[in-house]
Amino acid sequence: MPFYIAAGGGSLYRINTAGTATTLTLPSGVTIDSTKVARMAVLNRKVVVVNAPNRSLWVDNKGTVRPLGLAQPVSTIVLSGTGSSTLTGTYKGRYSYVVKDADTLELLQESPMSPLSAAATITSQYLLASGLQVSPDTISARRLYRTVTGGSATVFPWADLDGNVATSLADSLSDANLSLTPSPDELGQAPGMQLGSRMTLITEWKGFLWGVGDQDPDVLRRSALGLVYAWPSSGTYNIEPVKADQYGITGLIRRRDELGLCKRNIIWKLVGSDPDTFELIKVRESDGRGCYAPDSVVVIDDVGYFLGGDGVYTWGPNGVESISDIKVRAWFASDTYFNRAQYANAFGKYNSKYHGYELHLAAVGSSDIDRWVFYDIARKTWWGPHKTDAFTPSIASTIIDTNGVVIPVIGSTAGNIWQQNQSAFVDNTDDIALDLITAYHNNNTPDIVKLWGGFSLLSKIETAAGNMSVIVKTGGLDATSSYSLSPNLTLGRESFRNLGTGRTLNLQITETTASNGCTLYGYEVDDVHELGRR
């Protein structure tokens, strides 16, 4: 059955499609920082959770939570001969920690291996491995590897020492009965696994996990194919320029055939299909333009949308393009509308209901991300800024309900998840207000007083009259309200008397009736007569 993982209030939850949340048990010593955004990726039905936990985690389909990487054994095993048996030769060995499925004994996780031991020569004895370290994690066994007789470094699976208590094992398995498969060569720690560090970014692409740690923010690391716990040292990519700022990689854009690697002023892309063909290429159209907000990245129809320092950009088949410069650059490039110091905390989502990109930001002078703007992808138009009044948003995403319908959702700082699933404009019994402020119309003569003639409002015909108000302001830019009109939404078109005199005309249109729709098609002022300067 499908499920979702959510972090909130210092806990991790599994949520089914019916909305029932179950608190998950965290590994010993793991805490969730509620002030940090939990970032997640899915690989082979395993959900990886980074950034918010003090130790990166993965969750299986049963809801069991495990550390993303097991601690590596640091002690070297000691090999020697003991007793009388059939083994003769010179051997070296290593060991790792493993977690196995309790029912199927399938390998679920393996740590990086210990250092290679010193050589031990025995004659007609058991080979004794002693000094095995007890793991600080919950494990199933210590897995031992050894060389064949006279081997120098290549080790093969030898035996499992079950449990996490015993520290030695004696065995006389012959070279012929060793596994023919050498030890895995892709075991390694994920970024952010050192004490006091975190993995900050994570995504899945081409069957691999890709992550960035806070200790080396300019370095991209990948996992082994299909494995959440194995991160080979060979899967390391330096994203230039290195150490040019404190931010490093600020966004991962996961498209079908390209993985975008954003910094604040440049974008690289990774192409290829496997470790032998992966190649880094600079996206030349991105010079000076990059991503400021990791959680603003949303991919819609194989086009990545993200927030830069001066606006919203897309990266797709046509390269990097600004979609905000022409009409709404002032929203993002000035200090009039949003708090630019909070851009790094902005987040976005895809609104499938209206086919658009929604970006959540903080208002000027505030750190609450309670403002949002909407970009209509089909019409290439911007709408907003809007305000969320019912709660303070903390993150946004989409879910799929029991009917397979994609629904936009928003998490709140109070620990709730809000769904955009109402057919009417209402939140429970509370109205969701329409509040529209028009431009200051001046008829291209801003210094001349005019008589603003008859006013007509066109709207969708509703079943109820509603509670619409049109506040009319005439005069200069500092004009105060003179009066309000009350249109009837059941008419579709309604005409009113002359609006008054003044150099400019400004309208504020509101509708606050719970469950009452309101769709405006436009408005018109019949005649504008110039009266002269004052």
Protein backbone atom coordinates (compact mmCIF):
# COMPACT_ATOMS: atom_id res chain seq x y z
CA MET A 1 0.00 0.00 0.00
CA PRO A 2 1.38 3.46 -0.84
CA PHE A 3 2.50 5.63 2.04
CA TYR A 4 4.25 8.91 2.75
CA ILE A 5 6.94 9.89 5.23
CA ALA A 6 6.69 13.21 7.04
CA ALA A 7 8.83 14.91 9.68
CA GLY A 8 7.33 17.16 12.30
CA GLY A 9 7.83 18.20 15.90
CA GLY A 10 10.97 16.13 16.32
CA SER A 11 9.36 12.90 15.07
CA LEU A 12 9.10 10.91 11.87
CA TYR A 13 5.71 9.69 10.68
CA ARG A 14 4.38 7.21 8.15
CA ILE A 15 1.12 8.43 6.60
CA ASN A 16 -1.18 6.24 4.49
CA THR A 17 -3.41 7.52 1.68
CA ALA A 18 -6.35 7.74 4.10
CA GLY A 19 -4.40 10.29 6.13
CA THR A 20 -3.66 8.12 9.18
CA ALA A 21 -0.28 9.00 10.69
CA THR A 22 1.86 6.50 12.62
CA THR A 23 4.86 7.62 14.63
CA LEU A 24 7.98 5.71 13.60
CA THR A 25 10.64 4.47 16.01
CA LEU A 26 13.99 6.13 15.40
CA PRO A 27 17.31 4.34 15.86
CA SER A 28 19.05 4.90 19.18
CA GLY A 29 20.67 8.33 19.40
CA VAL A 30 18.88 9.76 16.35
CA THR A 31 16.93 13.00 16.74
CA ILE A 32 14.95 15.12 14.28
CA ASP A 33 15.69 18.85 14.28
CA SER A 34 12.32 20.55 13.77
CA THR A 35 14.06 23.76 12.67
CA LYS A 36 15.54 22.06 9.60
CA VAL A 37 13.73 20.89 6.48
CA ALA A 38 13.63 17.12 6.03
CA ARG A 39 14.65 16.30 2.46
CA MET A 40 13.83 12.92 0.99
CA ALA A 41 14.36 10.65 -1.99
CA VAL A 42 13.01 7.23 -2.94
CA LEU A 43 15.13 4.36 -4.26
CA ASN A 44 13.86 0.78 -4.64
CA ARG A 45 10.87 1.43 -2.34
CA LYS A 46 13.11 2.83 0.36
CA VAL A 47 12.65 6.42 1.55
CA VAL A 48 15.87 8.22 2.45
CA VAL A 49 15.59 11.12 4.91
CA VAL A 50 18.38 13.68 5.31
CA ASN A 51 19.11 17.17 6.67
CA ALA A 52 16.60 17.21 9.56
CA PRO A 53 17.89 14.04 11.29
CA ASN A 54 21.26 14.29 13.05
CA ARG A 55 22.05 11.03 11.24
CA SER A 56 20.71 10.29 7.75
CA LEU A 57 18.05 7.58 7.70
CA TRP A 58 16.18 5.21 5.41
CA VAL A 59 12.71 3.77 5.90
CA ASP A 60 11.55 0.46 4.41
CA ASN A 61 8.02 -0.43 3.30
CA LYS A 62 7.27 -1.90 6.74
CA GLY A 63 8.05 1.38 8.47
CA THR A 64 11.35 0.25 9.97
CA VAL A 65 13.82 3.13 10.27
CA ARG A 66 17.54 2.47 9.97
CA PRO A 67 20.66 4.64 9.73
CA LEU A 68 21.59 5.32 6.12
CA GLY A 69 25.09 4.08 6.82
CA LEU A 70 26.44 1.75 9.50
CA ALA A 71 29.52 2.77 11.43
CA GLN A 72 32.70 1.35 9.93
CA PRO A 73 34.76 -1.06 12.07
CA VAL A 74 38.04 0.64 12.82
CA SER A 75 39.89 -2.20 14.52
CA THR A 76 41.82 -4.75 12.47
CA ILE A 77 41.07 -8.41 13.09
CA VAL A 78 43.87 -10.65 14.28
CA LEU A 79 44.30 -13.92 12.36
CA SER A 80 46.05 -16.95 13.83
CA GLY A 81 45.90 -20.73 13.83
CA THR A 82 44.10 -22.78 16.46
CA GLY A 83 43.36 -26.43 17.06
CA SER A 84 43.76 -29.18 14.49
CA SER A 85 41.96 -29.05 11.15
CA THR A 86 42.55 -29.01 7.40
CA LEU A 87 43.56 -25.45 6.55
CA THR A 88 47.13 -24.67 5.55
CA GLY A 89 48.48 -21.42 4.10
CA THR A 90 49.00 -17.70 4.58
CA TYR A 91 45.92 -15.48 4.93
CA LYS A 92 44.77 -11.90 5.45
CA GLY A 93 41.26 -10.78 6.38
CA ARG A 94 38.75 -8.00 6.86
CA TYR A 95 35.23 -7.72 8.26
CA SER A 96 32.12 -5.53 8.11
CA TYR A 97 28.85 -5.07 9.94
CA VAL A 98 25.68 -6.31 8.24
CA VAL A 99 21.93 -6.13 8.74
CA LYS A 100 19.85 -9.00 7.35
CA ASP A 101 16.12 -9.51 7.04
CA ALA A 102 15.05 -11.60 10.01
CA ASP A 103 12.74 -13.77 7.89
CA THR A 104 14.51 -14.14 4.54
CA LEU A 105 18.12 -13.45 5.66
CA GLU A 106 18.38 -11.08 2.68
CA LEU A 107 21.19 -8.56 3.06
CA LEU A 108 19.67 -5.16 3.85
CA GLN A 109 22.74 -3.17 4.73
CA GLU A 110 26.50 -3.47 5.03
CA SER A 111 29.08 -1.12 6.48
CA PRO A 112 32.41 -0.24 4.89
CA MET A 113 35.01 -2.85 5.74
CA SER A 114 37.75 -2.78 8.37
CA PRO A 115 41.39 -2.31 7.43
CA LEU A 116 43.17 -5.35 5.99
CA SER A 117 44.77 -7.49 8.68
CA ALA A 118 48.35 -8.63 8.90
CA ALA A 119 49.17 -11.97 7.29
CA ALA A 120 48.93 -15.17 9.35
CA THR A 121 50.51 -18.50 8.34
CA ILE A 122 48.97 -21.74 9.66
CA THR A 123 49.46 -25.46 9.06
CA SER A 124 46.64 -28.02 9.36
CA GLN A 125 44.64 -25.80 11.71
CA TYR A 126 41.50 -23.73 12.01
CA LEU A 127 41.90 -20.08 11.00
CA LEU A 128 40.97 -18.01 14.05
CA ALA A 129 39.74 -14.43 13.61
CA SER A 130 39.78 -12.55 16.90
CA GLY A 131 39.50 -8.95 18.06
CA LEU A 132 36.28 -8.28 16.14
CA GLN A 133 34.80 -4.97 17.24
CA VAL A 134 31.25 -4.74 18.60
CA SER A 135 29.16 -2.38 16.46
CA PRO A 136 27.58 0.72 18.05
CA ASP A 137 24.58 0.13 15.75
CA THR A 138 21.92 -2.55 15.83
CA ILE A 139 23.20 -5.24 13.44
CA SER A 140 22.57 -8.87 12.57
CA ALA A 141 26.15 -10.11 12.22
CA ARG A 142 29.80 -9.37 11.54
CA ARG A 143 30.68 -10.52 8.00
CA LEU A 144 34.21 -11.89 7.61
CA TYR A 145 36.26 -11.90 4.42
CA ARG A 146 39.64 -13.49 3.75
CA THR A 147 42.15 -14.03 0.98
CA VAL A 148 42.83 -17.34 -0.66
CA THR A 149 46.05 -19.09 0.31
CA GLY A 150 48.90 -16.68 -0.35
CA GLY A 151 46.58 -13.92 -1.54
CA SER A 152 47.76 -10.35 -1.09
CA ALA A 153 44.69 -8.08 -0.89
CA THR A 154 41.59 -9.42 -2.69
CA VAL A 155 39.26 -10.90 -0.08
CA PHE A 156 36.26 -13.18 -0.53
CA PRO A 157 33.19 -13.79 1.68
CA TRP A 158 34.24 -16.26 4.36
CA ALA A 159 31.71 -16.48 7.22
CA ASP A 160 29.12 -14.54 9.23
CA LEU A 161 29.48 -14.22 13.00
CA ASP A 162 25.85 -13.78 14.06
CA GLY A 163 24.90 -11.24 16.68
CA ASN A 164 26.86 -8.36 18.11
CA VAL A 165 28.46 -9.92 21.18
CA ALA A 166 31.10 -12.54 20.32
CA THR A 167 34.47 -11.19 19.20
CA SER A 168 36.10 -14.24 17.58
CA LEU A 169 35.38 -17.01 15.10
CA ALA A 170 37.35 -20.12 14.02
CA ASP A 171 36.72 -21.86 10.70
CA SER A 172 38.55 -24.09 8.23
CA LEU A 173 36.62 -23.41 5.02
CA SER A 174 38.84 -24.30 2.08
CA ASP A 175 39.75 -21.95 -0.76
CA ALA A 176 37.64 -24.07 -3.11
CA ASN A 177 34.54 -23.50 -1.01
CA LEU A 178 34.92 -19.73 -0.72
CA SER A 179 32.50 -17.61 -2.69
CA LEU A 180 33.76 -16.94 -6.20
CA THR A 181 32.58 -13.35 -5.93
CA PRO A 182 35.12 -10.98 -4.38
CA SER A 183 34.08 -8.58 -1.65
CA PRO A 184 31.91 -5.67 -2.80
CA ASP A 185 34.06 -2.76 -3.95
CA GLU A 186 31.39 -0.05 -3.66
CA LEU A 187 30.99 0.02 0.11
CA GLY A 188 31.57 3.48 1.52
CA GLN A 189 30.03 6.19 3.65
CA ALA A 190 27.51 8.70 2.33
CA PRO A 191 28.29 12.43 2.64
CA GLY A 192 27.45 13.95 5.99
CA MET A 193 28.13 10.76 7.96
CA GLN A 194 30.94 12.21 10.06
CA LEU A 195 30.14 13.14 13.64
CA GLY A 196 28.54 16.59 13.76
CA SER A 197 27.80 16.77 10.02
CA ARG A 198 24.74 16.16 7.85
CA MET A 199 23.75 15.36 4.32
CA THR A 200 21.86 18.47 3.24
CA LEU A 201 20.60 17.59 -0.26
CA ILE A 202 19.42 14.28 -1.72
CA THR A 203 17.76 13.08 -4.92
CA GLU A 204 17.44 9.92 -7.02
CA TRP A 205 18.47 9.85 -10.68
CA LYS A 206 19.20 6.96 -13.03
CA GLY A 207 18.84 4.42 -10.20
CA PHE A 208 21.47 6.11 -8.00
CA LEU A 209 21.16 8.38 -4.98
CA TRP A 210 22.97 11.72 -5.23
CA GLY A 211 23.80 13.75 -2.15
CA VAL A 212 25.67 16.74 -0.77
CA GLY A 213 27.11 17.08 2.74
CA ASP A 214 27.57 20.22 4.78
CA GLN A 215 31.29 19.58 5.33
CA ASP A 216 32.03 19.59 1.57
CA PRO A 217 29.17 21.56 -0.03
CA ASP A 218 31.00 21.79 -3.39
CA VAL A 219 31.18 17.97 -3.71
CA LEU A 220 28.47 15.76 -5.18
CA ARG A 221 28.48 12.09 -4.17
CA ARG A 222 26.57 9.13 -5.57
CA SER A 223 25.57 5.76 -4.20
CA ALA A 224 26.08 2.39 -5.81
CA LEU A 225 23.39 1.35 -8.28
CA GLY A 226 20.17 0.55 -6.46
CA LEU A 227 21.75 0.64 -2.97
CA VAL A 228 20.93 3.24 -0.34
CA TYR A 229 23.77 2.30 2.02
CA ALA A 230 26.78 1.94 -0.32
CA TRP A 231 28.52 5.15 -1.45
CA PRO A 232 31.79 4.33 -3.24
CA SER A 233 34.68 6.78 -3.05
CA SER A 234 34.85 6.67 -6.86
CA GLY A 235 31.42 8.33 -7.03
CA THR A 236 32.73 11.81 -6.16
CA TYR A 237 32.31 14.92 -8.36
CA ASN A 238 33.74 18.37 -7.60
CA ILE A 239 31.40 21.09 -8.82
CA GLU A 240 33.37 24.18 -9.80
CA PRO A 241 34.12 26.76 -8.60
CA VAL A 242 35.20 25.05 -5.38
CA LYS A 243 35.27 27.10 -2.15
CA ALA A 244 34.11 30.23 -3.96
CA ASP A 245 31.41 30.84 -1.33
CA GLN A 246 29.94 29.28 1.81
CA TYR A 247 26.90 27.82 0.05
CA GLY A 248 28.32 25.37 -2.47
CA ILE A 249 25.66 23.30 -4.25
CA THR A 250 22.27 24.87 -3.57
CA GLY A 251 19.88 22.78 -5.65
CA LEU A 252 19.49 19.48 -7.48
CA ILE A 253 17.23 19.52 -10.56
CA ARG A 254 16.26 15.96 -11.48
CA ARG A 255 15.19 15.86 -15.11
CA ARG A 256 14.79 12.73 -17.24
CA ASP A 257 18.18 12.69 -18.95
CA GLU A 258 20.08 15.40 -17.09
CA LEU A 259 20.76 16.12 -13.43
CA GLY A 260 21.12 19.84 -12.77
CA LEU A 261 23.67 20.86 -10.13
CA CYS A 262 22.99 24.43 -9.07
CA LYS A 263 25.12 26.92 -7.27
CA ARG A 264 24.05 30.49 -6.60
CA ASN A 265 25.54 31.81 -9.81
CA ILE A 266 26.08 28.82 -12.08
CA ILE A 267 24.53 25.52 -13.12
CA TRP A 268 26.27 22.33 -14.17
CA LYS A 269 24.57 19.24 -15.48
CA LEU A 270 25.43 15.58 -15.23
CA VAL A 271 24.66 13.43 -18.28
CA GLY A 272 25.12 9.75 -18.99
CA SER A 273 23.52 6.52 -17.81
CA ASP A 274 26.11 4.76 -15.64
CA PRO A 275 29.40 5.45 -13.83
CA ASP A 276 31.38 4.79 -17.02
CA THR A 277 29.47 7.42 -19.01
CA PHE A 278 28.58 10.06 -16.39
CA GLU A 279 30.00 13.43 -17.48
CA LEU A 280 29.84 16.95 -16.05
CA ILE A 281 28.93 19.76 -18.49
CA LYS A 282 28.62 23.46 -17.71
CA VAL A 283 25.23 24.95 -18.63
CA ARG A 284 26.50 28.04 -20.42
CA GLU A 285 23.25 29.98 -20.35
CA SER A 286 23.42 29.98 -16.55
CA ASP A 287 26.44 32.25 -16.03
CA GLY A 288 25.55 34.57 -13.16
CA ARG A 289 22.22 32.82 -12.59
CA GLY A 290 21.64 29.96 -10.22
CA CYS A 291 19.46 28.66 -7.41
CA TYR A 292 19.10 30.38 -4.03
CA ALA A 293 16.49 28.07 -2.49
CA PRO A 294 16.99 24.27 -2.56
CA ASP A 295 13.30 23.63 -1.84
CA SER A 296 12.13 25.99 -4.58
CA VAL A 297 13.24 23.42 -7.18
CA VAL A 298 10.25 21.75 -8.85
CA VAL A 299 10.36 19.77 -12.11
CA ILE A 300 7.20 19.99 -14.22
CA ASP A 301 7.00 18.26 -17.62
CA ASP A 302 10.81 17.82 -17.60
CA VAL A 303 11.38 21.55 -17.00
CA GLY A 304 13.00 22.65 -13.74
CA TYR A 305 11.65 25.76 -11.97
CA PHE A 306 13.69 27.48 -9.25
CA LEU A 307 14.19 30.76 -7.40
CA GLY A 308 17.32 32.77 -8.18
CA GLY A 309 18.62 35.92 -6.53
CA ASP A 310 16.54 38.22 -8.74
CA GLY A 311 13.67 36.11 -10.02
CA VAL A 312 12.30 32.75 -11.03
CA TYR A 313 14.05 30.73 -13.73
CA THR A 314 13.43 27.58 -15.71
CA TRP A 315 15.93 25.08 -17.02
CA GLY A 316 14.70 22.89 -19.82
CA PRO A 317 15.28 22.03 -23.48
CA ASN A 318 15.77 25.75 -24.27
CA GLY A 319 18.40 26.25 -21.59
CA VAL A 320 18.08 28.62 -18.62
CA GLU A 321 15.40 31.30 -19.00
CA SER A 322 13.89 33.92 -16.71
CA ILE A 323 10.09 33.72 -16.48
CA SER A 324 9.74 36.72 -14.17
CA ASP A 325 11.85 39.49 -15.72
CA ILE A 326 9.34 40.81 -18.24
CA LYS A 327 6.32 41.42 -16.01
CA VAL A 328 7.14 40.86 -12.34
CA ARG A 329 10.86 41.43 -11.90
CA ALA A 330 10.12 43.99 -9.18
CA TRP A 331 8.54 41.25 -7.07
CA PHE A 332 11.86 39.46 -6.70
CA ALA A 333 14.58 42.03 -7.43
CA SER A 334 13.38 44.75 -5.03
CA ASP A 335 12.68 44.97 -1.30
CA THR A 336 9.07 46.04 -1.81
CA TYR A 337 7.28 42.69 -1.81
CA PHE A 338 9.35 39.90 -0.23
CA ASN A 339 12.13 39.46 2.30
CA ARG A 340 15.11 38.62 0.10
CA ALA A 341 17.14 37.59 3.15
CA GLN A 342 14.72 34.65 3.44
CA TYR A 343 15.11 33.47 -0.17
CA ALA A 344 17.15 30.45 0.92
CA ASN A 345 14.10 29.23 2.90
CA ALA A 346 11.57 29.66 0.08
CA PHE A 347 9.87 26.54 -1.26
CA GLY A 348 7.78 25.62 -4.26
CA LYS A 349 5.32 23.01 -5.46
CA TYR A 350 3.42 21.96 -8.56
CA ASN A 351 -0.29 22.80 -8.47
CA SER A 352 -1.74 20.07 -10.68
CA LYS A 353 -5.26 21.44 -10.29
CA TYR A 354 -4.36 24.68 -12.09
CA HIS A 355 -1.17 23.49 -13.88
CA GLY A 356 1.16 26.01 -12.38
CA TYR A 357 4.24 26.61 -10.27
CA GLU A 358 3.60 28.00 -6.79
CA LEU A 359 6.42 29.66 -4.87
CA HIS A 360 6.13 30.39 -1.15
CA LEU A 361 8.10 33.34 0.29
CA ALA A 362 8.31 35.64 3.32
CA ALA A 363 6.94 39.17 3.32
CA VAL A 364 9.21 42.16 3.83
CA GLY A 365 10.18 42.37 7.50
CA SER A 366 9.02 38.83 8.27
CA SER A 367 10.56 35.37 8.40
CA ASP A 368 7.21 33.55 8.11
CA ILE A 369 6.80 31.92 4.69
CA ASP A 370 3.13 32.94 4.45
CA ARG A 371 3.11 34.65 1.04
CA TRP A 372 2.94 32.89 -2.30
CA VAL A 373 2.81 33.58 -6.01
CA PHE A 374 1.46 31.46 -8.84
CA TYR A 375 2.84 31.06 -12.37
CA ASP A 376 0.28 29.80 -14.89
CA ILE A 377 2.34 27.56 -17.17
CA ALA A 378 -0.17 27.38 -20.04
CA ARG A 379 -0.87 31.14 -20.17
CA LYS A 380 2.61 32.26 -19.00
CA THR A 381 1.07 34.70 -16.52
CA TRP A 382 1.87 35.51 -12.90
CA TRP A 383 -0.72 35.86 -10.12
CA GLY A 384 -0.20 37.26 -6.65
CA PRO A 385 1.21 38.01 -4.25
CA HIS A 386 -1.20 35.99 -2.09
CA LYS A 387 -1.25 35.41 1.66
CA THR A 388 -1.98 32.26 3.67
CA ASP A 389 -3.94 33.32 6.76
CA ALA A 390 -5.11 30.03 8.30
CA PHE A 391 -1.62 28.83 9.26
CA THR A 392 2.08 29.42 8.66
CA PRO A 393 3.36 27.11 5.89
CA SER A 394 6.60 25.19 6.39
CA ILE A 395 6.94 23.05 3.24
CA ALA A 396 4.93 22.10 0.15
CA SER A 397 4.59 19.01 -2.01
CA THR A 398 2.01 16.77 -3.69
CA ILE A 399 0.40 13.48 -2.69
CA ILE A 400 -1.66 10.86 -4.50
CA ASP A 401 -4.94 9.95 -2.81
CA THR A 402 -6.72 6.59 -2.76
CA ASN A 403 -8.28 7.36 -6.16
CA GLY A 404 -4.93 8.12 -7.77
CA VAL A 405 -5.61 11.85 -7.90
CA VAL A 406 -2.60 14.15 -7.44
CA ILE A 407 -3.32 16.74 -4.75
CA PRO A 408 -1.12 19.70 -3.75
CA VAL A 409 -0.39 19.80 -0.01
CA ILE A 410 1.23 22.26 2.39
CA GLY A 411 2.79 21.45 5.74
CA SER A 412 2.30 23.92 8.57
CA THR A 413 4.55 24.92 11.45
CA ALA A 414 1.78 23.65 13.78
CA GLY A 415 2.33 20.10 12.55
CA ASN A 416 -0.62 19.72 10.18
CA ILE A 417 -0.77 18.84 6.49
CA TRP A 418 -3.30 20.83 4.50
CA GLN A 419 -4.73 19.47 1.25
CA GLN A 420 -6.04 21.50 -1.63
CA ASN A 421 -9.00 19.18 -2.03
CA GLN A 422 -12.03 21.44 -1.58
CA SER A 423 -14.33 21.86 -4.53
CA ALA A 424 -15.61 25.17 -3.13
CA PHE A 425 -13.69 28.19 -1.88
CA VAL A 426 -13.87 27.34 1.81
CA ASP A 427 -11.62 25.96 4.53
CA ASN A 428 -13.98 23.87 6.67
CA THR A 429 -16.58 26.60 7.41
CA ASP A 430 -14.26 29.60 7.00
CA ASP A 431 -14.31 31.63 3.82
CA ILE A 432 -11.24 31.95 1.63
CA ALA A 433 -11.29 35.59 0.65
CA LEU A 434 -10.63 37.00 -2.79
CA ASP A 435 -8.72 40.28 -2.46
CA LEU A 436 -7.67 41.96 -5.71
CA ILE A 437 -6.03 45.38 -5.96
CA THR A 438 -5.82 46.84 -9.46
CA ALA A 439 -3.17 49.07 -10.94
CA TYR A 440 -3.45 52.86 -10.60
CA HIS A 441 -5.06 53.70 -13.94
CA ASN A 442 -4.16 57.11 -15.36
CA ASN A 443 -5.26 56.89 -19.03
CA ASN A 444 -1.66 57.77 -20.04
CA THR A 445 -2.10 61.27 -18.57
CA PRO A 446 -1.00 60.96 -14.93
CA ASP A 447 -0.88 64.73 -14.32
CA ILE A 448 -4.38 65.56 -15.63
CA VAL A 449 -7.59 65.34 -13.60
CA LYS A 450 -10.20 63.20 -15.30
CA LEU A 451 -13.85 62.29 -14.96
CA TRP A 452 -14.02 58.51 -14.73
CA GLY A 453 -17.29 57.46 -16.35
CA GLY A 454 -19.68 54.54 -16.01
CA PHE A 455 -18.26 51.29 -14.61
CA SER A 456 -19.11 47.73 -15.71
CA LEU A 457 -18.02 44.50 -14.03
CA LEU A 458 -18.08 41.15 -15.85
CA SER A 459 -18.01 37.87 -13.93
CA LYS A 460 -19.07 34.25 -14.06
CA ILE A 461 -22.75 33.85 -13.18
CA GLU A 462 -22.99 32.29 -9.72
CA THR A 463 -25.99 30.78 -7.94
CA ALA A 464 -25.71 33.24 -5.04
CA ALA A 465 -25.24 37.02 -5.03
CA GLY A 466 -22.22 36.77 -2.74
CA ASN A 467 -20.66 39.47 -0.63
CA MET A 468 -18.53 41.29 -3.17
CA SER A 469 -17.24 44.78 -2.54
CA VAL A 470 -15.52 47.14 -4.98
CA ILE A 471 -13.78 49.99 -3.15
CA VAL A 472 -13.28 52.95 -5.49
CA LYS A 473 -10.34 55.33 -5.02
CA THR A 474 -9.94 58.39 -7.23
CA GLY A 475 -7.38 61.15 -6.90
CA GLY A 476 -3.61 60.79 -6.64
CA LEU A 477 -1.54 57.85 -5.49
CA ASP A 478 -2.36 58.82 -1.91
CA ALA A 479 -6.12 58.82 -2.49
CA THR A 480 -8.28 57.42 0.30
CA SER A 481 -11.44 55.36 -0.11
CA SER A 482 -14.41 57.39 -1.27
CA TYR A 483 -17.15 54.75 -1.44
CA SER A 484 -17.76 51.10 -2.30
CA LEU A 485 -19.96 49.26 -4.78
CA SER A 486 -21.70 45.93 -4.12
CA PRO A 487 -22.04 43.89 -7.34
CA ASN A 488 -24.45 40.96 -7.57
CA LEU A 489 -22.62 37.82 -8.76
CA THR A 490 -25.80 36.23 -10.15
CA LEU A 491 -25.99 38.83 -12.95
CA GLY A 492 -22.78 38.16 -14.87
CA ARG A 493 -22.59 41.80 -15.97
CA GLU A 494 -23.55 44.84 -13.90
CA SER A 495 -23.24 48.56 -14.65
CA PHE A 496 -22.73 51.43 -12.20
CA ARG A 497 -22.73 55.23 -12.32
CA ASN A 498 -19.74 57.46 -12.97
CA LEU A 499 -16.87 56.64 -10.62
CA GLY A 500 -15.74 60.21 -9.90
CA THR A 501 -12.90 62.62 -10.64
CA GLY A 502 -9.19 62.41 -10.03
CA ARG A 503 -5.82 61.95 -11.72
CA THR A 504 -5.84 58.17 -11.10
CA LEU A 505 -8.34 55.40 -10.50
CA ASN A 506 -7.67 52.42 -8.25
CA LEU A 507 -10.04 49.57 -7.36
CA GLN A 508 -9.93 47.03 -4.55
CA ILE A 509 -12.21 44.07 -5.17
CA THR A 510 -13.02 41.60 -2.37
CA GLU A 511 -15.35 38.62 -1.99
CA THR A 512 -15.65 36.94 1.43
CA THR A 513 -18.61 34.57 1.18
CA ALA A 514 -17.84 31.04 2.33
CA SER A 515 -18.35 28.41 -0.42
CA ASN A 516 -19.32 31.07 -2.95
CA GLY A 517 -17.37 31.03 -6.20
CA CYS A 518 -16.09 34.22 -7.78
CA THR A 519 -14.50 34.36 -11.24
CA LEU A 520 -13.85 37.78 -12.71
CA TYR A 521 -13.64 38.19 -16.49
CA GLY A 522 -12.84 41.90 -16.48
CA TYR A 523 -14.07 45.41 -15.84
CA GLU A 524 -14.56 48.48 -18.01
CA VAL A 525 -14.84 52.25 -17.55
CA ASP A 526 -17.10 53.55 -20.34
CA ASP A 527 -15.72 57.07 -20.80
CA VAL A 528 -12.77 59.03 -19.44
CA HIS A 529 -12.95 62.84 -19.87
CA GLU A 530 -9.93 65.03 -19.22
CA LEU A 531 -10.72 68.07 -17.08
CA GLY A 532 -7.27 69.70 -17.04
CA ARG A 533 -4.45 70.31 -14.58
CA ARG A 534 -4.89 71.70 -11.10
